[in-house]
Amino acid sequence: MDLAFTKEERAFREEVRQFLRDNVLPEIRRKLAEGRKLAKDEIAAGARILNKRGVPTWPKEYGGAGWTLVQQYIFEEEVRAFPAQLTFGMGESLVGPVIYTFGSEVQKKYYLPRIANAEDWWCQGFSEPGAGSDLASLKTRAVRNGDRYVVDGQKIWTSGAQYADWIFCLVRTDPDVKKQQGISFLLIDLKTPGVTVRPIRLIDGDHVVNEVFFDSVRVPIENLVGEENKGWGYAKYLLGNERFGDAGVGISKERIRLAKELAERACVRGARLIDQTAFREKVAAVEVQLKALEITQLRVVASASKQQKGTQDPASSILKLRGSEVEQASAELLMDAAGPYALRDLSQEEREGRNEPPVGAYGAARSAPTYFYSRAASIYSGSSEIQKNIIAKAILGL
């Protein structure tokens, strides 16, 4: 298999780079390069810029750019390296493909243009206190009552719910069948009475995830995606997309680049850190792992076009498994390079919004929070143990 980029693909990469230089607002680029958070309106503005030619990962008929998977890969890699904000919530990457693959024509006409124009921020309502890796054990229920579903239950670890307008949820609509067969995929407006969002502070002190409670929330039946009790299949399709993106090659590349930059400035025992054998060996080890991951992702990209519509290559679990490990290794490398500058400046970082530049060496102050948050990489989108089970059954046939 030839994994080299073609002449046309290399030209596309240059086109993407020029597009980013011409269109991304300098202030957004500067904030991201300094590790600062963007406000919701800034993220929306950035998404509209990146979607000028259509949503990068969508087919043309639904408002997408119509790019090949290789072009999508190149685009994401360049956006992360630039840097620019890649998406606005989980609309483009997760729920959008579910809607245009399984949704009704009415749903496609209403939701997809709003997602493409960054009008609605979406979050994911899958995990529950008793249903994480064993997601099919979820207990949030939706009972049909006339032209509405009445939803009761709780979701947890819901990323971005504090910003979100909508949440796509897995709910139990039939408790009397095998647990995977009684689940439906429901779209819920978070402004609906009975919805409560509560923040969860993480080990890095940041507010990324939330609890979401549903207390007799009335949801129109037209917000059901696809068929009732078929939601497990739609969820597997969505998770395959998510795990494909969770390889995190671009993220790890940027962390290694920044770690090298910090190590060139850091002095340990009278010598630059970048010149010390132990650190260079550690960098090389992580780079080898990352290169192997990148080649694996390109192999999956090359074969993905053969997949039937609405299905996902189980090899995405390999990307998720190894991607989370490399992401954690690159985060640890970055914190090693930052040294004492990895200590957070609480007087700045605890302020609402965290829009001040980091203290110390360039980018170093975000390295510890990045390291702490990376510990979750081997859990979210399905834990490493779950990915190993999928690989064993679907790929190795064990």
Protein backbone atom coordinates (compact mmCIF):
# COMPACT_ATOMS: atom_id res chain seq x y z
CA MET A 1 0.00 0.00 0.00
CA ASP A 2 1.42 3.38 -1.06
CA LEU A 3 0.94 5.83 1.81
CA ALA A 4 2.72 8.75 0.15
CA PHE A 5 0.61 11.81 -0.62
CA THR A 6 -0.04 12.43 -4.30
CA LYS A 7 0.93 15.60 -6.15
CA GLU A 8 -2.69 16.74 -5.97
CA GLU A 9 -2.86 16.08 -2.23
CA ARG A 10 0.34 18.03 -1.61
CA ALA A 11 -1.12 20.91 -3.63
CA PHE A 12 -4.29 20.68 -1.53
CA ARG A 13 -2.18 20.99 1.64
CA GLU A 14 -0.63 24.22 0.33
CA GLU A 15 -4.09 25.48 -0.57
CA VAL A 16 -5.29 24.81 2.98
CA ARG A 17 -2.29 26.61 4.46
CA GLN A 18 -2.93 29.67 2.30
CA PHE A 19 -6.63 29.60 3.18
CA LEU A 20 -5.80 29.60 6.89
CA ARG A 21 -3.30 32.44 6.50
CA ASP A 22 -5.85 34.52 4.59
CA ASN A 23 -8.94 33.84 6.69
CA VAL A 24 -8.24 32.95 10.33
CA LEU A 25 -8.39 35.99 12.59
CA PRO A 26 -4.96 36.78 14.09
CA GLU A 27 -6.40 37.18 17.58
CA ILE A 28 -7.91 33.69 17.50
CA ARG A 29 -4.63 32.20 16.30
CA ARG A 30 -2.68 34.08 18.98
CA LYS A 31 -4.98 32.97 21.80
CA LEU A 32 -4.82 29.33 20.77
CA ALA A 33 -1.04 29.45 20.35
CA GLU A 34 -0.76 30.82 23.90
CA GLY A 35 -3.01 28.11 25.33
CA ARG A 36 -5.83 30.54 26.13
CA LYS A 37 -9.52 29.66 25.97
CA LEU A 38 -11.78 31.10 23.30
CA ALA A 39 -15.22 32.47 24.08
CA LYS A 40 -18.23 30.75 22.52
CA ASP A 41 -18.74 33.54 19.97
CA GLU A 42 -15.07 33.33 18.96
CA ILE A 43 -15.36 29.57 18.43
CA ALA A 44 -18.51 30.13 16.35
CA ALA A 45 -16.74 32.77 14.24
CA GLY A 46 -13.82 30.40 13.69
CA ALA A 47 -16.12 27.55 12.66
CA ARG A 48 -17.87 29.75 10.10
CA ILE A 49 -14.48 30.66 8.63
CA LEU A 50 -13.41 27.02 8.31
CA ASN A 51 -16.79 26.10 6.82
CA LYS A 52 -16.67 28.74 4.08
CA ARG A 53 -16.25 26.04 1.45
CA GLY A 54 -18.60 23.65 3.23
CA VAL A 55 -18.24 21.50 6.33
CA PRO A 56 -14.90 19.69 5.79
CA THR A 57 -16.12 16.22 6.76
CA TRP A 58 -19.57 16.28 5.12
CA PRO A 59 -20.77 15.29 1.63
CA LYS A 60 -21.62 18.15 -0.73
CA GLU A 61 -25.33 17.32 -0.83
CA TYR A 62 -25.63 18.15 2.86
CA GLY A 63 -23.63 21.36 2.88
CA GLY A 64 -20.20 19.79 3.03
CA ALA A 65 -16.99 20.38 1.14
CA GLY A 66 -17.18 16.95 -0.47
CA TRP A 67 -13.53 16.24 0.27
CA THR A 68 -11.97 12.79 0.27
CA LEU A 69 -10.95 11.25 3.59
CA VAL A 70 -7.32 12.03 2.78
CA GLN A 71 -8.18 15.67 2.17
CA GLN A 72 -10.11 15.76 5.45
CA TYR A 73 -7.07 14.30 7.20
CA ILE A 74 -4.78 16.93 5.68
CA PHE A 75 -7.20 19.73 6.54
CA GLU A 76 -7.46 18.72 10.20
CA GLU A 77 -3.70 18.31 10.50
CA GLU A 78 -3.07 21.81 9.10
CA VAL A 79 -5.80 23.43 11.21
CA ARG A 80 -4.34 22.01 14.41
CA ALA A 81 -0.81 23.01 13.45
CA PHE A 82 -1.77 26.56 12.43
CA PRO A 83 -3.54 26.67 15.02
CA ALA A 84 -7.25 27.38 14.58
CA GLN A 85 -10.37 26.16 16.39
CA LEU A 86 -11.48 23.02 14.56
CA THR A 87 -15.17 22.62 15.47
CA PHE A 88 -18.12 24.31 17.18
CA GLY A 89 -19.33 21.78 19.75
CA MET A 90 -20.13 18.25 18.56
CA GLY A 91 -22.48 19.12 15.74
CA GLU A 92 -20.17 18.81 12.75
CA SER A 93 -18.19 15.76 13.80
CA LEU A 94 -20.74 13.63 15.67
CA VAL A 95 -24.46 14.34 15.43
CA GLY A 96 -24.37 15.88 11.94
CA PRO A 97 -23.26 12.65 10.22
CA VAL A 98 -25.90 10.68 12.19
CA ILE A 99 -28.62 13.10 11.04
CA TYR A 100 -27.66 13.06 7.35
CA THR A 101 -27.19 9.27 7.39
CA PHE A 102 -30.23 8.16 9.41
CA GLY A 103 -32.41 11.25 9.97
CA SER A 104 -35.59 12.36 8.24
CA GLU A 105 -35.61 14.91 5.41
CA VAL A 106 -37.20 17.43 7.76
CA GLN A 107 -34.38 16.93 10.27
CA LYS A 108 -31.73 17.27 7.57
CA LYS A 109 -33.22 20.51 6.25
CA TYR A 110 -33.54 22.08 9.69
CA TYR A 111 -30.51 20.93 11.69
CA LEU A 112 -27.72 20.58 9.13
CA PRO A 113 -27.65 24.21 7.90
CA ARG A 114 -27.71 25.44 11.51
CA ILE A 115 -24.79 23.18 12.42
CA ALA A 116 -22.83 24.24 9.33
CA ASN A 117 -23.36 27.92 10.18
CA ALA A 118 -22.38 27.42 13.85
CA GLU A 119 -25.80 28.52 15.08
CA ASP A 120 -26.33 25.59 17.45
CA TRP A 121 -23.77 24.15 19.87
CA TRP A 122 -24.37 20.43 20.42
CA CYS A 123 -23.25 18.18 23.27
CA GLN A 124 -23.38 14.39 23.70
CA GLY A 125 -25.70 12.70 26.21
CA PHE A 126 -24.44 9.13 26.35
CA SER A 127 -22.67 8.26 29.64
CA GLU A 128 -24.58 7.92 32.91
CA PRO A 129 -23.48 7.30 36.53
CA GLY A 130 -24.10 3.56 36.06
CA ALA A 131 -23.49 3.33 32.32
CA GLY A 132 -20.07 4.37 31.08
CA SER A 133 -18.08 1.64 29.37
CA ASP A 134 -21.21 -0.54 29.60
CA LEU A 135 -23.24 2.10 27.78
CA ALA A 136 -26.08 -0.27 26.89
CA SER A 137 -27.00 -0.35 30.60
CA LEU A 138 -28.24 3.24 30.45
CA LYS A 139 -31.40 4.01 32.42
CA THR A 140 -32.51 7.43 31.17
CA ARG A 141 -36.00 6.63 29.90
CA ALA A 142 -38.28 8.19 27.31
CA VAL A 143 -41.96 7.24 27.57
CA ARG A 144 -44.29 7.98 24.66
CA ASN A 145 -47.17 10.28 25.65
CA GLY A 146 -49.23 11.39 22.66
CA ASP A 147 -47.04 13.42 20.33
CA ARG A 148 -44.23 13.71 22.91
CA TYR A 149 -41.65 11.64 24.71
CA VAL A 150 -41.38 12.30 28.44
CA VAL A 151 -37.71 11.96 29.39
CA ASP A 152 -36.42 11.29 32.92
CA GLY A 153 -32.87 10.46 33.98
CA GLN A 154 -29.32 11.74 34.21
CA LYS A 155 -26.28 12.03 31.99
CA ILE A 156 -22.74 12.65 33.23
CA TRP A 157 -19.33 13.73 31.89
CA THR A 158 -21.18 15.79 29.28
CA SER A 159 -18.53 17.92 27.59
CA GLY A 160 -19.51 21.48 26.72
CA ALA A 161 -23.06 21.29 28.07
CA GLN A 162 -22.54 24.68 29.73
CA TYR A 163 -22.37 26.22 26.25
CA ALA A 164 -24.76 23.91 24.41
CA ASP A 165 -28.12 24.67 22.82
CA TRP A 166 -28.96 21.03 22.04
CA ILE A 167 -28.01 17.59 23.31
CA PHE A 168 -28.24 14.30 21.39
CA CYS A 169 -29.19 11.54 23.80
CA LEU A 170 -29.44 7.81 24.02
CA VAL A 171 -32.64 6.98 25.91
CA ARG A 172 -34.40 3.77 26.84
CA THR A 173 -37.73 3.46 25.05
CA ASP A 174 -38.35 -0.26 25.64
CA PRO A 175 -37.26 -1.77 28.99
CA ASP A 176 -38.60 -5.24 28.18
CA VAL A 177 -36.17 -6.34 25.45
CA LYS A 178 -32.46 -7.03 25.28
CA LYS A 179 -30.80 -3.86 26.53
CA GLN A 180 -29.17 -2.94 23.19
CA GLN A 181 -32.52 -3.31 21.40
CA GLY A 182 -34.54 -0.91 23.53
CA ILE A 183 -32.53 2.28 23.00
CA SER A 184 -33.47 5.30 20.86
CA PHE A 185 -31.56 8.35 19.61
CA LEU A 186 -33.27 11.59 20.63
CA LEU A 187 -32.50 15.28 19.99
CA ILE A 188 -33.33 17.51 22.97
CA ASP A 189 -33.41 21.30 23.18
CA LEU A 190 -31.57 22.20 26.40
CA LYS A 191 -33.91 25.15 26.95
CA THR A 192 -36.80 22.73 27.48
CA PRO A 193 -38.34 22.95 31.00
CA GLY A 194 -37.04 20.21 33.27
CA VAL A 195 -33.43 20.21 32.00
CA THR A 196 -30.73 21.08 34.56
CA VAL A 197 -27.00 21.38 33.83
CA ARG A 198 -24.51 21.23 36.73
CA PRO A 199 -20.74 21.76 36.34
CA ILE A 200 -18.06 19.21 37.26
CA ARG A 201 -14.61 20.62 38.03
CA LEU A 202 -11.76 18.40 36.82
CA ILE A 203 -8.35 17.72 38.35
CA ASP A 204 -6.84 20.55 36.30
CA GLY A 205 -9.36 22.97 37.82
CA ASP A 206 -11.14 23.55 34.53
CA HIS A 207 -14.85 23.33 33.75
CA VAL A 208 -15.14 21.05 30.74
CA VAL A 209 -17.73 18.44 31.69
CA ASN A 210 -21.13 18.49 33.38
CA GLU A 211 -24.03 16.53 34.80
CA VAL A 212 -27.31 16.89 32.92
CA PHE A 213 -30.61 16.03 34.62
CA PHE A 214 -33.95 15.40 32.89
CA ASP A 215 -37.08 15.79 35.02
CA SER A 216 -40.23 15.02 32.99
CA VAL A 217 -38.77 16.75 29.94
CA ARG A 218 -41.27 16.75 27.06
CA VAL A 219 -39.63 16.16 23.68
CA PRO A 220 -41.54 16.17 20.34
CA ILE A 221 -41.63 12.76 18.66
CA GLU A 222 -40.25 14.36 15.48
CA ASN A 223 -36.95 14.74 17.41
CA LEU A 224 -36.45 10.98 17.23
CA VAL A 225 -33.66 10.13 14.78
CA GLY A 226 -34.39 7.10 12.62
CA GLU A 227 -36.54 4.37 14.11
CA GLU A 228 -37.55 3.88 17.71
CA ASN A 229 -35.41 1.28 19.51
CA LYS A 230 -32.74 1.38 16.77
CA GLY A 231 -30.56 3.94 18.50
CA TRP A 232 -27.81 1.49 19.48
CA GLY A 233 -26.85 1.03 15.84
CA TYR A 234 -26.75 4.80 15.30
CA ALA A 235 -24.63 5.19 18.43
CA LYS A 236 -22.10 2.62 17.19
CA TYR A 237 -21.83 4.53 13.92
CA LEU A 238 -21.28 7.79 15.83
CA LEU A 239 -18.68 6.26 18.15
CA GLY A 240 -16.80 4.88 15.15
CA ASN A 241 -16.56 8.41 13.78
CA GLU A 242 -15.49 9.74 17.18
CA ARG A 243 -12.81 7.10 17.66
CA PHE A 244 -11.44 7.79 14.18
CA GLY A 245 -10.96 11.42 15.22
CA ASP A 246 -9.60 10.46 18.62
CA ALA A 247 -6.31 9.27 17.12
CA GLY A 248 -5.16 12.80 17.92
CA VAL A 249 -2.15 12.75 15.59
CA GLY A 250 -2.25 16.51 15.05
CA ILE A 251 -2.59 17.21 18.77
CA SER A 252 0.37 15.01 19.67
CA LYS A 253 2.50 16.51 16.89
CA GLU A 254 1.88 20.00 18.23
CA ARG A 255 2.72 18.95 21.80
CA ILE A 256 6.02 17.39 20.72
CA ARG A 257 6.88 20.51 18.72
CA LEU A 258 6.17 22.73 21.73
CA ALA A 259 8.09 20.39 24.06
CA LYS A 260 11.16 20.71 21.82
CA GLU A 261 10.80 24.48 21.78
CA LEU A 262 10.61 24.62 25.56
CA ALA A 263 13.56 22.23 25.89
CA GLU A 264 15.70 24.52 23.73
CA ARG A 265 15.18 27.28 26.30
CA ALA A 266 15.35 25.22 29.48
CA CYS A 267 18.68 24.81 31.26
CA VAL A 268 19.24 21.82 33.55
CA ARG A 269 22.56 21.31 35.35
CA GLY A 270 24.30 23.84 33.14
CA ALA A 271 23.17 22.46 29.77
CA ARG A 272 20.14 22.90 27.53
CA LEU A 273 17.52 20.24 28.13
CA ILE A 274 17.24 19.57 24.40
CA ASP A 275 20.93 18.52 24.34
CA GLN A 276 20.63 15.98 27.15
CA THR A 277 20.63 12.34 26.15
CA ALA A 278 17.84 11.13 28.43
CA PHE A 279 15.40 13.79 27.21
CA ARG A 280 16.32 13.25 23.54
CA GLU A 281 15.72 9.51 23.93
CA LYS A 282 12.32 10.18 25.44
CA VAL A 283 11.42 12.51 22.58
CA ALA A 284 12.55 9.92 20.03
CA ALA A 285 10.50 7.18 21.69
CA VAL A 286 7.31 9.26 21.57
CA GLU A 287 7.98 10.33 17.97
CA VAL A 288 8.39 6.70 16.90
CA GLN A 289 5.06 5.81 18.52
CA LEU A 290 3.41 8.80 16.86
CA LYS A 291 4.79 7.94 13.42
CA ALA A 292 3.48 4.37 13.74
CA LEU A 293 0.08 5.77 14.76
CA GLU A 294 0.06 8.20 11.84
CA ILE A 295 0.85 5.42 9.35
CA THR A 296 -1.91 3.27 10.87
CA GLN A 297 -4.39 6.14 10.54
CA LEU A 298 -3.44 6.67 6.92
CA ARG A 299 -3.98 2.95 6.27
CA VAL A 300 -7.45 3.20 7.82
CA VAL A 301 -8.16 6.33 5.76
CA ALA A 302 -7.04 4.55 2.60
CA SER A 303 -9.39 1.61 3.23
CA ALA A 304 -12.33 3.57 4.64
CA SER A 305 -13.78 4.38 1.22
CA LYS A 306 -14.63 0.69 0.86
CA GLN A 307 -16.87 0.75 3.93
CA GLN A 308 -20.63 0.53 3.42
CA LYS A 309 -22.53 3.74 4.17
CA GLY A 310 -23.66 3.85 7.80
CA THR A 311 -20.95 1.49 9.02
CA GLN A 312 -17.51 2.02 10.51
CA ASP A 313 -14.22 0.18 10.21
CA PRO A 314 -13.54 -1.54 13.56
CA ALA A 315 -9.90 -0.49 13.04
CA SER A 316 -11.02 2.88 14.41
CA SER A 317 -10.70 1.18 17.82
CA ILE A 318 -6.98 0.66 17.15
CA LEU A 319 -6.65 4.38 16.46
CA LYS A 320 -8.53 5.24 19.64
CA LEU A 321 -6.49 2.82 21.77
CA ARG A 322 -3.04 3.81 20.53
CA GLY A 323 -4.03 7.45 20.02
CA SER A 324 -4.94 7.86 23.68
CA GLU A 325 -1.62 6.27 24.75
CA VAL A 326 0.42 8.53 22.47
CA GLU A 327 -1.60 11.55 23.54
CA GLN A 328 -0.78 10.82 27.18
CA ALA A 329 2.90 10.26 26.37
CA SER A 330 3.15 13.55 24.47
CA ALA A 331 1.42 15.40 27.32
CA GLU A 332 3.91 13.95 29.79
CA LEU A 333 6.80 14.93 27.53
CA LEU A 334 5.48 18.49 27.35
CA MET A 335 5.25 18.76 31.13
CA ASP A 336 8.80 17.39 31.49
CA ALA A 337 10.03 20.09 29.13
CA ALA A 338 8.13 22.83 30.96
CA GLY A 339 9.74 21.91 34.27
CA PRO A 340 8.85 24.32 37.11
CA TYR A 341 6.96 26.55 34.65
CA ALA A 342 4.32 23.82 34.52
CA LEU A 343 3.08 25.07 37.90
CA ARG A 344 -0.14 26.95 37.39
CA ASP A 345 -0.50 30.63 38.21
CA LEU A 346 -3.69 30.35 40.26
CA SER A 347 -4.13 34.09 40.47
CA GLN A 348 -4.65 34.10 36.71
CA GLU A 349 -5.91 30.68 35.77
CA GLU A 350 -8.71 30.50 38.32
CA ARG A 351 -10.29 33.63 36.91
CA GLU A 352 -13.48 33.10 34.96
CA GLY A 353 -12.69 32.61 31.27
CA ARG A 354 -8.91 32.19 31.73
CA ASN A 355 -8.12 34.61 28.96
CA GLU A 356 -4.76 35.80 30.28
CA PRO A 357 -1.57 34.64 28.55
CA PRO A 358 0.28 31.81 30.34
CA VAL A 359 3.11 32.63 32.72
CA GLY A 360 6.73 31.58 32.31
CA ALA A 361 8.12 30.12 29.10
CA TYR A 362 5.87 30.20 26.06
CA GLY A 363 3.02 27.71 26.52
CA ALA A 364 4.54 26.10 29.62
CA ALA A 365 1.82 27.07 32.08
CA ARG A 366 -0.78 24.99 30.24
CA SER A 367 1.36 21.85 30.27
CA ALA A 368 0.28 20.59 33.71
CA PRO A 369 -3.46 21.04 33.05
CA THR A 370 -2.93 19.40 29.64
CA TYR A 371 -1.20 16.45 31.32
CA PHE A 372 -3.95 16.05 33.91
CA TYR A 373 -6.73 16.23 31.33
CA SER A 374 -4.94 13.71 29.10
CA ARG A 375 -5.45 11.04 31.76
CA ALA A 376 -9.07 10.87 30.59
CA ALA A 377 -8.03 10.06 27.00
CA SER A 378 -7.98 6.34 27.73
CA ILE A 379 -11.54 6.52 29.09
CA TYR A 380 -13.63 8.86 26.94
CA SER A 381 -15.12 7.59 23.65
CA GLY A 382 -14.92 4.11 25.15
CA SER A 383 -12.24 2.93 27.56
CA SER A 384 -9.08 1.17 26.44
CA GLU A 385 -10.47 -2.12 27.76
CA ILE A 386 -13.55 -1.73 25.56
CA GLN A 387 -11.38 -0.96 22.52
CA LYS A 388 -9.34 -4.11 23.16
CA ASN A 389 -12.53 -6.17 23.29
CA ILE A 390 -13.69 -4.70 19.97
CA ILE A 391 -10.30 -5.37 18.36
CA ALA A 392 -10.26 -8.95 19.67
CA LYS A 393 -13.76 -9.75 18.40
CA ALA A 394 -14.11 -7.71 15.20
CA ILE A 395 -10.54 -7.78 13.87
CA LEU A 396 -8.78 -10.80 15.38
CA GLY A 397 -11.90 -12.98 15.47
CA LEU A 398 -11.24 -14.22 18.99
